[in-house]
Amino acid sequence: MADDEIVAIVDEHNNIVDETPRHRMRHLRLIHRATYIFVFNAEGLVYLQKRTTSKDMYPGFYDAAAGGVVLSGESYEESALREVAEELGVTNTALHACFDFYYEDTDNRVWGSVFTCQYDGKFVHQPEEVDSGLFVSVHDLLIGKYYPVTPDTLEALRRLVAHDIPVS
């Protein structure tokens, strides 16, 4: 069960300082690590997921990245590969590490690592995580055509665009 997963806890400088069950991390609003994998197709559109209403963070929101919390003992890359395979069924696709960033809101404090990949294959959604998905333009996403969008992912996407990182 996701609540029982043991996650890495970090300090404000992204140094691992502890590990704890996911539910405790959420309850105490501890700083943790997460991955954000933006999946683009050959036309440069980004895959937008509709999160299930059972998610512990931002239920029912749109999410422009696969990803999730980094488990204890797991690297960002290992987490990214696991998450994109679990959530979307994307495997055998090279991930490109882009940058790390810090995000904080009233419910979430996270050091995120952003990855991109290009994928034009079939998606297999994890039913507990993803209700549906479609490819959309980054522009439409950034101007608010899809609402609500997970705020941490939206921040990661804004930074990806600002870094002028190629998306396809």
Foldseek 3Di string as FASTA:
>chain_A
DQQQFKFFFADPVRHTDDIDGNVVCQVVQTEFEKEWEWEAAPVLFTKKFQWDQPDPPPHRAIERTFMTTHGPPGDRVRRRQVRCCQAWVDPPWDKAWDDWDWDDDPRHTYIYTYIYTYDDDHTDGNVNTTDDIDTDHLVCVLVCVGPDYRVVRSVVSVVCVVVVPDRD
